[in-house]
Amino acid sequence: LYKQAQIIEQIHDSIISTDLHGYILTWNQGSQEM
């Protein structure tokens, strides 16, 4: 799980997860760069 989290964090694309109501739960480095 840690390794997967690190991979997601380093991906250049934006990866954003939300709850069912649309509130942001996670935000990777690619999201910050974009």
Full PDB file with SEQRES, HELIX, SHEET, SSBOND, CRYST1, ORIGX, SCALE, CONECT and MASTER records, all heavy atoms in Angstrom:
SEQRES   1 A   34  LEU TYR LYS GLN ALA GLN ILE ILE GLU GLN ILE HIS ASP          
SEQRES   2 A   34  SER ILE ILE SER THR ASP LEU HIS GLY TYR ILE LEU THR          
SEQRES   3 A   34  TRP ASN GLN GLY SER GLN GLU MET                              
HELIX    1 AA1 TYR A    2  GLN A   10  1                                   9    
HELIX    2 AA2 GLN A   29  GLU A   33  1                                   5    
SHEET    1 AA1 2 ILE A  16  THR A  18  0                                        
SHEET    2 AA1 2 ILE A  24  TRP A  27 -1                                        
CRYST1    1.000    1.000    1.000  90.00  90.00  90.00 P 1           1          
ORIGX1      1.000000  0.000000  0.000000        0.00000                         
ORIGX2      0.000000  1.000000  0.000000        0.00000                         
ORIGX3      0.000000  0.000000  1.000000        0.00000                         
SCALE1      1.000000  0.000000  0.000000        0.00000                         
SCALE2      0.000000  1.000000  0.000000        0.00000                         
SCALE3      0.000000  0.000000  1.000000        0.00000                         
ATOM      1  N   LEU A   1       0.829  -1.201   0.000  1.00  0.00           N  
ATOM      2  CA  LEU A   1       0.000   0.000   0.000  1.00  0.00           C  
ATOM      3  C   LEU A   1       0.863   1.251   0.000  1.00  0.00           C  
ATOM      4  O   LEU A   1       0.566   2.239  -0.688  1.00  0.00           O  
ATOM      5  CB  LEU A   1      -0.931   0.007   1.221  1.00  0.00           C  
ATOM      6  CG  LEU A   1      -2.048  -1.042   1.212  1.00  0.00           C  
ATOM      7  CD1 LEU A   1      -2.791  -1.025   2.547  1.00  0.00           C  
ATOM      8  CD2 LEU A   1      -3.029  -0.758   0.067  1.00  0.00           C  
ATOM      9  N   TYR A   2       1.959   1.206   0.764  1.00  0.00           N  
ATOM     10  CA  TYR A   2       2.878   2.336   0.820  1.00  0.00           C  
ATOM     11  C   TYR A   2       3.515   2.575  -0.550  1.00  0.00           C  
ATOM     12  O   TYR A   2       3.623   3.715  -1.018  1.00  0.00           O  
ATOM     13  CB  TYR A   2       3.969   2.068   1.872  1.00  0.00           C  
ATOM     14  CG  TYR A   2       5.071   3.096   1.877  1.00  0.00           C  
ATOM     15  CD1 TYR A   2       4.879   4.356   2.456  1.00  0.00           C  
ATOM     16  CD2 TYR A   2       6.307   2.815   1.273  1.00  0.00           C  
ATOM     17  CE1 TYR A   2       5.892   5.303   2.440  1.00  0.00           C  
ATOM     18  CE2 TYR A   2       7.319   3.753   1.264  1.00  0.00           C  
ATOM     19  CZ  TYR A   2       7.103   5.002   1.848  1.00  0.00           C  
ATOM     20  OH  TYR A   2       8.111   5.932   1.836  1.00  0.00           O  
ATOM     21  N   LYS A   3       3.906   1.449  -1.202  1.00  0.00           N  
ATOM     22  CA  LYS A   3       4.548   1.550  -2.509  1.00  0.00           C  
ATOM     23  C   LYS A   3       3.570   2.128  -3.544  1.00  0.00           C  
ATOM     24  O   LYS A   3       3.940   2.988  -4.348  1.00  0.00           O  
ATOM     25  CB  LYS A   3       5.037   0.170  -2.952  1.00  0.00           C  
ATOM     26  CG  LYS A   3       5.887   0.221  -4.223  1.00  0.00           C  
ATOM     27  CD  LYS A   3       6.670  -1.074  -4.426  1.00  0.00           C  
ATOM     28  CE  LYS A   3       5.699  -2.229  -4.698  1.00  0.00           C  
ATOM     29  NZ  LYS A   3       6.434  -3.465  -5.074  1.00  0.00           N  
ATOM     30  N   GLN A   4       2.319   1.680  -3.499  1.00  0.00           N  
ATOM     31  CA  GLN A   4       1.311   2.201  -4.414  1.00  0.00           C  
ATOM     32  C   GLN A   4       1.084   3.703  -4.186  1.00  0.00           C  
ATOM     33  O   GLN A   4       0.938   4.477  -5.131  1.00  0.00           O  
ATOM     34  CB  GLN A   4       0.001   1.436  -4.236  1.00  0.00           C  
ATOM     35  CG  GLN A   4       0.044   0.013  -4.760  1.00  0.00           C  
ATOM     36  CD  GLN A   4      -1.235  -0.745  -4.469  1.00  0.00           C  
ATOM     37  OE1 GLN A   4      -2.235  -0.154  -4.091  1.00  0.00           O  
ATOM     38  NE2 GLN A   4      -1.183  -2.065  -4.629  1.00  0.00           N  
ATOM     39  N   ALA A   5       1.073   4.089  -2.920  1.00  0.00           N  
ATOM     40  CA  ALA A   5       0.876   5.500  -2.586  1.00  0.00           C  
ATOM     41  C   ALA A   5       2.025   6.348  -3.125  1.00  0.00           C  
ATOM     42  O   ALA A   5       1.813   7.464  -3.631  1.00  0.00           O  
ATOM     43  CB  ALA A   5       0.761   5.673  -1.072  1.00  0.00           C  
ATOM     44  N   GLN A   6       3.256   5.806  -3.052  1.00  0.00           N  
ATOM     45  CA  GLN A   6       4.415   6.528  -3.563  1.00  0.00           C  
ATOM     46  C   GLN A   6       4.351   6.672  -5.088  1.00  0.00           C  
ATOM     47  O   GLN A   6       4.681   7.721  -5.646  1.00  0.00           O  
ATOM     48  CB  GLN A   6       5.710   5.797  -3.164  1.00  0.00           C  
ATOM     49  CG  GLN A   6       6.065   5.930  -1.692  1.00  0.00           C  
ATOM     50  CD  GLN A   6       6.289   7.388  -1.300  1.00  0.00           C  
ATOM     51  OE1 GLN A   6       7.104   8.079  -1.899  1.00  0.00           O  
ATOM     52  NE2 GLN A   6       5.563   7.848  -0.292  1.00  0.00           N  
ATOM     53  N   ILE A   7       3.912   5.611  -5.756  1.00  0.00           N  
ATOM     54  CA  ILE A   7       3.782   5.649  -7.219  1.00  0.00           C  
ATOM     55  C   ILE A   7       2.766   6.709  -7.627  1.00  0.00           C  
ATOM     56  O   ILE A   7       3.008   7.531  -8.511  1.00  0.00           O  
ATOM     57  CB  ILE A   7       3.375   4.262  -7.771  1.00  0.00           C  
ATOM     58  CG1 ILE A   7       4.530   3.272  -7.573  1.00  0.00           C  
ATOM     59  CG2 ILE A   7       2.986   4.357  -9.249  1.00  0.00           C  
ATOM     60  CD1 ILE A   7       4.172   1.843  -7.899  1.00  0.00           C  
ATOM     61  N   ILE A   8       1.610   6.699  -6.976  1.00  0.00           N  
ATOM     62  CA  ILE A   8       0.559   7.672  -7.276  1.00  0.00           C  
ATOM     63  C   ILE A   8       1.056   9.088  -7.035  1.00  0.00           C  
ATOM     64  O   ILE A   8       0.787  10.010  -7.817  1.00  0.00           O  
ATOM     65  CB  ILE A   8      -0.694   7.393  -6.419  1.00  0.00           C  
ATOM     66  CG1 ILE A   8      -1.376   6.107  -6.891  1.00  0.00           C  
ATOM     67  CG2 ILE A   8      -1.678   8.564  -6.467  1.00  0.00           C  
ATOM     68  CD1 ILE A   8      -2.514   5.652  -5.999  1.00  0.00           C  
ATOM     69  N   GLU A   9       1.840   9.255  -5.967  1.00  0.00           N  
ATOM     70  CA  GLU A   9       2.332  10.577  -5.604  1.00  0.00           C  
ATOM     71  C   GLU A   9       3.277  11.134  -6.663  1.00  0.00           C  
ATOM     72  O   GLU A   9       3.314  12.337  -6.922  1.00  0.00           O  
ATOM     73  CB  GLU A   9       3.048  10.510  -4.252  1.00  0.00           C  
ATOM     74  CG  GLU A   9       3.506  11.859  -3.720  1.00  0.00           C  
ATOM     75  CD  GLU A   9       2.339  12.812  -3.442  1.00  0.00           C  
ATOM     76  OE1 GLU A   9       1.210  12.336  -3.193  1.00  0.00           O  
ATOM     77  OE2 GLU A   9       2.574  14.030  -3.498  1.00  0.00           O  
ATOM     78  N   GLN A  10       4.029  10.221  -7.308  1.00  0.00           N  
ATOM     79  CA  GLN A  10       5.045  10.664  -8.262  1.00  0.00           C  
ATOM     80  C   GLN A  10       4.544  10.751  -9.703  1.00  0.00           C  
ATOM     81  O   GLN A  10       5.238  11.287 -10.560  1.00  0.00           O  
ATOM     82  CB  GLN A  10       6.262   9.715  -8.202  1.00  0.00           C  
ATOM     83  CG  GLN A  10       6.963   9.701  -6.848  1.00  0.00           C  
ATOM     84  CD  GLN A  10       7.376  11.089  -6.385  1.00  0.00           C  
ATOM     85  OE1 GLN A  10       7.907  11.868  -7.164  1.00  0.00           O  
ATOM     86  NE2 GLN A  10       7.137  11.393  -5.114  1.00  0.00           N  
ATOM     87  N   ILE A  11       3.349  10.233  -9.979  1.00  0.00           N  
ATOM     88  CA  ILE A  11       2.806  10.307 -11.339  1.00  0.00           C  
ATOM     89  C   ILE A  11       2.569  11.764 -11.719  1.00  0.00           C  
ATOM     90  O   ILE A  11       2.068  12.558 -10.924  1.00  0.00           O  
ATOM     91  CB  ILE A  11       1.486   9.495 -11.433  1.00  0.00           C  
ATOM     92  CG1 ILE A  11       1.795   7.991 -11.362  1.00  0.00           C  
ATOM     93  CG2 ILE A  11       0.726   9.807 -12.718  1.00  0.00           C  
ATOM     94  CD1 ILE A  11       0.571   7.110 -11.362  1.00  0.00           C  
ATOM     95  N   HIS A  12       2.933  12.111 -12.951  1.00  0.00           N  
ATOM     96  CA  HIS A  12       2.804  13.500 -13.396  1.00  0.00           C  
ATOM     97  C   HIS A  12       1.350  13.899 -13.652  1.00  0.00           C  
ATOM     98  O   HIS A  12       1.007  15.078 -13.590  1.00  0.00           O  
ATOM     99  CB  HIS A  12       3.640  13.730 -14.654  1.00  0.00           C  
ATOM    100  CG  HIS A  12       5.113  13.657 -14.413  1.00  0.00           C  
ATOM    101  ND1 HIS A  12       5.785  14.557 -13.615  1.00  0.00           N  
ATOM    102  CD2 HIS A  12       6.048  12.772 -14.840  1.00  0.00           C  
ATOM    103  CE1 HIS A  12       7.067  14.253 -13.566  1.00  0.00           C  
ATOM    104  NE2 HIS A  12       7.267  13.168 -14.308  1.00  0.00           N  
ATOM    105  N   ASP A  13       0.498  12.934 -13.964  1.00  0.00           N  
ATOM    106  CA  ASP A  13      -0.916  13.252 -14.161  1.00  0.00           C  
ATOM    107  C   ASP A  13      -1.557  13.599 -12.824  1.00  0.00           C  
ATOM    108  O   ASP A  13      -1.085  13.202 -11.751  1.00  0.00           O  
ATOM    109  CB  ASP A  13      -1.660  12.065 -14.777  1.00  0.00           C  
ATOM    110  CG  ASP A  13      -1.196  11.766 -16.195  1.00  0.00           C  
ATOM    111  OD1 ASP A  13      -0.633  12.678 -16.836  1.00  0.00           O  
ATOM    112  OD2 ASP A  13      -1.385  10.630 -16.658  1.00  0.00           O  
ATOM    113  N   SER A  14      -2.644  14.331 -12.900  1.00  0.00           N  
ATOM    114  CA  SER A  14      -3.391  14.680 -11.689  1.00  0.00           C  
ATOM    115  C   SER A  14      -4.269  13.504 -11.275  1.00  0.00           C  
ATOM    116  O   SER A  14      -5.031  12.979 -12.082  1.00  0.00           O  
ATOM    117  CB  SER A  14      -4.272  15.910 -11.963  1.00  0.00           C  
ATOM    118  OG  SER A  14      -5.222  16.076 -10.929  1.00  0.00           O  
ATOM    119  N   ILE A  15      -4.124  13.091 -10.024  1.00  0.00           N  
ATOM    120  CA  ILE A  15      -4.974  12.024  -9.478  1.00  0.00           C  
ATOM    121  C   ILE A  15      -5.669  12.568  -8.237  1.00  0.00           C  
ATOM    122  O   ILE A  15      -5.024  12.921  -7.243  1.00  0.00           O  
ATOM    123  CB  ILE A  15      -4.163  10.765  -9.121  1.00  0.00           C  
ATOM    124  CG1 ILE A  15      -3.429  10.254 -10.365  1.00  0.00           C  
ATOM    125  CG2 ILE A  15      -5.086   9.684  -8.552  1.00  0.00           C  
ATOM    126  CD1 ILE A  15      -2.562   9.037 -10.096  1.00  0.00           C  
ATOM    127  N   ILE A  16      -6.986  12.664  -8.312  1.00  0.00           N  
ATOM    128  CA  ILE A  16      -7.774  13.246  -7.228  1.00  0.00           C  
ATOM    129  C   ILE A  16      -8.886  12.275  -6.859  1.00  0.00           C  
ATOM    130  O   ILE A  16      -9.610  11.794  -7.738  1.00  0.00           O  
ATOM    131  CB  ILE A  16      -8.401  14.594  -7.655  1.00  0.00           C  
ATOM    132  CG1 ILE A  16      -7.323  15.569  -8.150  1.00  0.00           C  
ATOM    133  CG2 ILE A  16      -9.188  15.212  -6.495  1.00  0.00           C  
ATOM    134  CD1 ILE A  16      -7.887  16.807  -8.823  1.00  0.00           C  
ATOM    135  N   SER A  17      -9.030  12.011  -5.578  1.00  0.00           N  
ATOM    136  CA  SER A  17     -10.162  11.201  -5.118  1.00  0.00           C  
ATOM    137  C   SER A  17     -11.080  12.062  -4.261  1.00  0.00           C  
ATOM    138  O   SER A  17     -10.638  13.003  -3.602  1.00  0.00           O  
ATOM    139  CB  SER A  17      -9.696   9.977  -4.324  1.00  0.00           C  
ATOM    140  OG  SER A  17      -9.096  10.378  -3.104  1.00  0.00           O  
ATOM    141  N   THR A  18     -12.368  11.768  -4.333  1.00  0.00           N  
ATOM    142  CA  THR A  18     -13.365  12.508  -3.553  1.00  0.00           C  
ATOM    143  C   THR A  18     -14.315  11.524  -2.887  1.00  0.00           C  
ATOM    144  O   THR A  18     -14.360  10.340  -3.246  1.00  0.00           O  
ATOM    145  CB  THR A  18     -14.194  13.452  -4.457  1.00  0.00           C  
ATOM    146  OG1 THR A  18     -15.083  12.656  -5.256  1.00  0.00           O  
ATOM    147  CG2 THR A  18     -13.313  14.306  -5.347  1.00  0.00           C  
ATOM    148  N   ASP A  19     -15.092  12.027  -1.931  1.00  0.00           N  
ATOM    149  CA  ASP A  19     -16.166  11.194  -1.410  1.00  0.00           C  
ATOM    150  C   ASP A  19     -17.344  11.261  -2.371  1.00  0.00           C  
ATOM    151  O   ASP A  19     -17.268  11.903  -3.435  1.00  0.00           O  
ATOM    152  CB  ASP A  19     -16.563  11.625   0.008  1.00  0.00           C  
ATOM    153  CG  ASP A  19     -17.118  13.048   0.069  1.00  0.00           C  
ATOM    154  OD1 ASP A  19     -17.525  13.593  -0.983  1.00  0.00           O  
ATOM    155  OD2 ASP A  19     -17.145  13.629   1.172  1.00  0.00           O  
ATOM    156  N   LEU A  20     -18.421  10.610  -2.046  1.00  0.00           N  
ATOM    157  CA  LEU A  20     -19.567  10.558  -2.956  1.00  0.00           C  
ATOM    158  C   LEU A  20     -20.236  11.912  -3.147  1.00  0.00           C  
ATOM    159  O   LEU A  20     -21.022  12.091  -4.079  1.00  0.00           O  
ATOM    160  CB  LEU A  20     -20.583   9.536  -2.447  1.00  0.00           C  
ATOM    161  CG  LEU A  20     -20.130   8.068  -2.495  1.00  0.00           C  
ATOM    162  CD1 LEU A  20     -21.192   7.159  -1.875  1.00  0.00           C  
ATOM    163  CD2 LEU A  20     -19.853   7.646  -3.934  1.00  0.00           C  
ATOM    164  N   HIS A  21     -19.927  12.845  -2.277  1.00  0.00           N  
ATOM    165  CA  HIS A  21     -20.523  14.187  -2.382  1.00  0.00           C  
ATOM    166  C   HIS A  21     -19.606  15.185  -3.106  1.00  0.00           C  
ATOM    167  O   HIS A  21     -19.959  16.355  -3.244  1.00  0.00           O  
ATOM    168  CB  HIS A  21     -20.863  14.722  -0.987  1.00  0.00           C  
ATOM    169  CG  HIS A  21     -21.824  13.844  -0.241  1.00  0.00           C  
ATOM    170  ND1 HIS A  21     -23.143  13.706  -0.597  1.00  0.00           N  
ATOM    171  CD2 HIS A  21     -21.622  13.025   0.837  1.00  0.00           C  
ATOM    172  CE1 HIS A  21     -23.741  12.862   0.225  1.00  0.00           C  
ATOM    173  NE2 HIS A  21     -22.842  12.439   1.113  1.00  0.00           N  
ATOM    174  N   GLY A  22     -18.425  14.699  -3.536  1.00  0.00           N  
ATOM    175  CA  GLY A  22     -17.538  15.558  -4.308  1.00  0.00           C  
ATOM    176  C   GLY A  22     -16.502  16.306  -3.500  1.00  0.00           C  
ATOM    177  O   GLY A  22     -15.813  17.184  -4.052  1.00  0.00           O  
ATOM    178  N   TYR A  23     -16.337  15.972  -2.217  1.00  0.00           N  
ATOM    179  CA  TYR A  23     -15.326  16.654  -1.399  1.00  0.00           C  
ATOM    180  C   TYR A  23     -13.992  15.927  -1.531  1.00  0.00           C  
ATOM    181  O   TYR A  23     -13.928  14.690  -1.437  1.00  0.00           O  
ATOM    182  CB  TYR A  23     -15.767  16.733   0.064  1.00  0.00           C  
ATOM    183  CG  TYR A  23     -16.907  17.712   0.240  1.00  0.00           C  
ATOM    184  CD1 TYR A  23     -18.233  17.280   0.211  1.00  0.00           C  
ATOM    185  CD2 TYR A  23     -16.661  19.076   0.403  1.00  0.00           C  
ATOM    186  CE1 TYR A  23     -19.286  18.176   0.336  1.00  0.00           C  
ATOM    187  CE2 TYR A  23     -17.702  19.977   0.543  1.00  0.00           C  
ATOM    188  CZ  TYR A  23     -19.015  19.523   0.498  1.00  0.00           C  
ATOM    189  OH  TYR A  23     -20.058  20.421   0.631  1.00  0.00           O  
ATOM    190  N   ILE A  24     -12.915  16.700  -1.744  1.00  0.00           N  
ATOM    191  CA  ILE A  24     -11.603  16.133  -2.062  1.00  0.00           C  
ATOM    192  C   ILE A  24     -11.003  15.407  -0.862  1.00  0.00           C  
ATOM    193  O   ILE A  24     -10.921  15.959   0.241  1.00  0.00           O  
ATOM    194  CB  ILE A  24     -10.656  17.246  -2.544  1.00  0.00           C  
ATOM    195  CG1 ILE A  24     -11.218  17.888  -3.834  1.00  0.00           C  
ATOM    196  CG2 ILE A  24      -9.251  16.702  -2.789  1.00  0.00           C  
ATOM    197  CD1 ILE A  24     -10.466  19.135  -4.270  1.00  0.00           C  
ATOM    198  N   LEU A  25     -10.554  14.160  -1.123  1.00  0.00           N  
ATOM    199  CA  LEU A  25      -9.936  13.336  -0.076  1.00  0.00           C  
ATOM    200  C   LEU A  25      -8.423  13.228  -0.260  1.00  0.00           C  
ATOM    201  O   LEU A  25      -7.683  13.263   0.724  1.00  0.00           O  
ATOM    202  CB  LEU A  25     -10.551  11.933  -0.082  1.00  0.00           C  
ATOM    203  CG  LEU A  25     -12.059  11.837   0.169  1.00  0.00           C  
ATOM    204  CD1 LEU A  25     -12.519  10.394   0.016  1.00  0.00           C  
ATOM    205  CD2 LEU A  25     -12.403  12.372   1.564  1.00  0.00           C  
ATOM    206  N   THR A  26      -7.969  13.039  -1.503  1.00  0.00           N  
ATOM    207  CA  THR A  26      -6.532  12.908  -1.754  1.00  0.00           C  
ATOM    208  C   THR A  26      -6.135  13.773  -2.943  1.00  0.00           C  
ATOM    209  O   THR A  26      -6.945  14.056  -3.836  1.00  0.00           O  
ATOM    210  CB  THR A  26      -6.132  11.450  -2.049  1.00  0.00           C  
ATOM    211  OG1 THR A  26      -6.786  10.999  -3.242  1.00  0.00           O  
ATOM    212  CG2 THR A  26      -6.512  10.538  -0.887  1.00  0.00           C  
ATOM    213  N   TRP A  27      -4.859  14.164  -2.938  1.00  0.00           N  
ATOM    214  CA  TRP A  27      -4.341  15.130  -3.928  1.00  0.00           C  
ATOM    215  C   TRP A  27      -2.872  14.829  -4.139  1.00  0.00           C  
ATOM    216  O   TRP A  27      -2.068  14.967  -3.232  1.00  0.00           O  
ATOM    217  CB  TRP A  27      -4.534  16.531  -3.357  1.00  0.00           C  
ATOM    218  CG  TRP A  27      -4.118  17.694  -4.201  1.00  0.00           C  
ATOM    219  CD1 TRP A  27      -2.898  18.310  -4.221  1.00  0.00           C  
ATOM    220  CD2 TRP A  27      -4.933  18.390  -5.143  1.00  0.00           C  
ATOM    221  NE1 TRP A  27      -2.899  19.356  -5.096  1.00  0.00           N  
ATOM    222  CE2 TRP A  27      -4.154  19.437  -5.680  1.00  0.00           C  
ATOM    223  CE3 TRP A  27      -6.248  18.246  -5.577  1.00  0.00           C  
ATOM    224  CZ2 TRP A  27      -4.633  20.324  -6.629  1.00  0.00           C  
ATOM    225  CZ3 TRP A  27      -6.725  19.131  -6.514  1.00  0.00           C  
ATOM    226  CH2 TRP A  27      -5.943  20.163  -7.045  1.00  0.00           C  
ATOM    227  N   ASN A  28      -2.487  14.338  -5.318  1.00  0.00           N  
ATOM    228  CA  ASN A  28      -1.096  13.940  -5.512  1.00  0.00           C  
ATOM    229  C   ASN A  28      -0.229  15.098  -6.019  1.00  0.00           C  
ATOM    230  O   ASN A  28      -0.726  16.199  -6.308  1.00  0.00           O  
ATOM    231  CB  ASN A  28      -1.006  12.739  -6.465  1.00  0.00           C  
ATOM    232  CG  ASN A  28      -1.248  13.134  -7.924  1.00  0.00           C  
ATOM    233  OD1 ASN A  28      -1.974  14.082  -8.186  1.00  0.00           O  
ATOM    234  ND2 ASN A  28      -0.652  12.397  -8.843  1.00  0.00           N  
ATOM    235  N   GLN A  29       1.076  14.823  -6.145  1.00  0.00           N  
ATOM    236  CA  GLN A  29       2.017  15.844  -6.590  1.00  0.00           C  
ATOM    237  C   GLN A  29       1.703  16.315  -8.005  1.00  0.00           C  
ATOM    238  O   GLN A  29       1.857  17.489  -8.350  1.00  0.00           O  
ATOM    239  CB  GLN A  29       3.452  15.291  -6.536  1.00  0.00           C  
ATOM    240  CG  GLN A  29       4.537  16.291  -6.901  1.00  0.00           C  
ATOM    241  CD  GLN A  29       4.628  17.456  -5.922  1.00  0.00           C  
ATOM    242  OE1 GLN A  29       4.275  17.319  -4.751  1.00  0.00           O  
ATOM    243  NE2 GLN A  29       5.100  18.599  -6.404  1.00  0.00           N  
ATOM    244  N   GLY A  30       1.231  15.370  -8.859  1.00  0.00           N  
ATOM    245  CA  GLY A  30       0.866  15.731 -10.227  1.00  0.00           C  
ATOM    246  C   GLY A  30      -0.253  16.767 -10.260  1.00  0.00           C  
ATOM    247  O   GLY A  30      -0.281  17.657 -11.123  1.00  0.00           O  
ATOM    248  N   SER A  31      -1.182  16.677  -9.305  1.00  0.00           N  
ATOM    249  CA  SER A  31      -2.271  17.658  -9.216  1.00  0.00           C  
ATOM    250  C   SER A  31      -1.732  19.024  -8.854  1.00  0.00           C  
ATOM    251  O   SER A  31      -2.163  20.049  -9.405  1.00  0.00           O  
ATOM    252  CB  SER A  31      -3.297  17.215  -8.163  1.00  0.00           C  
ATOM    253  OG  SER A  31      -3.880  15.977  -8.514  1.00  0.00           O  
ATOM    254  N   GLN A  32      -0.754  19.026  -7.928  1.00  0.00           N  
ATOM    255  CA  GLN A  32      -0.166  20.306  -7.526  1.00  0.00           C  
ATOM    256  C   GLN A  32       0.585  20.946  -8.688  1.00  0.00           C  
ATOM    257  O   GLN A  32       0.474  22.158  -8.932  1.00  0.00           O  
ATOM    258  CB  GLN A  32       0.785  20.100  -6.345  1.00  0.00           C  
ATOM    259  CG  GLN A  32       1.453  21.408  -5.886  1.00  0.00           C  
ATOM    260  CD  GLN A  32       2.246  21.242  -4.596  1.00  0.00           C  
ATOM    261  OE1 GLN A  32       1.916  20.387  -3.774  1.00  0.00           O  
ATOM    262  NE2 GLN A  32       3.286  22.050  -4.437  1.00  0.00           N  
ATOM    263  N   GLU A  33       1.337  20.133  -9.451  1.00  0.00           N  
ATOM    264  CA  GLU A  33       2.102  20.670 -10.577  1.00  0.00           C  
ATOM    265  C   GLU A  33       1.178  21.204 -11.675  1.00  0.00           C  
ATOM    266  O   GLU A  33       1.455  22.233 -12.288  1.00  0.00           O  
ATOM    267  CB  GLU A  33       3.013  19.582 -11.141  1.00  0.00           C  
ATOM    268  CG  GLU A  33       4.146  19.207 -10.193  1.00  0.00           C  
ATOM    269  CD  GLU A  33       4.958  18.030 -10.695  1.00  0.00           C  
ATOM    270  OE1 GLU A  33       4.630  17.505 -11.792  1.00  0.00           O  
ATOM    271  OE2 GLU A  33       5.904  17.627 -10.005  1.00  0.00           O  
ATOM    272  N   MET A  34       0.075  20.508 -11.908  1.00  0.00           N  
ATOM    273  CA  MET A  34      -0.836  20.916 -12.971  1.00  0.00           C  
ATOM    274  C   MET A  34      -1.689  22.109 -12.562  1.00  0.00           C  
ATOM    275  O   MET A  34      -1.882  23.047 -13.352  1.00  0.00           O  
ATOM    276  CB  MET A  34      -1.758  19.750 -13.377  1.00  0.00           C  
ATOM    277  CG  MET A  34      -2.724  20.087 -14.500  1.00  0.00           C  
ATOM    278  SD  MET A  34      -3.954  18.783 -14.798  1.00  0.00           S  
ATOM    279  CE  MET A  34      -2.915  17.439 -15.327  1.00  0.00           C  
TER     280      MET A  34                                                      
MASTER        0    0    0    2    2    0    0    6  279    1    0    3          
END                                                                             
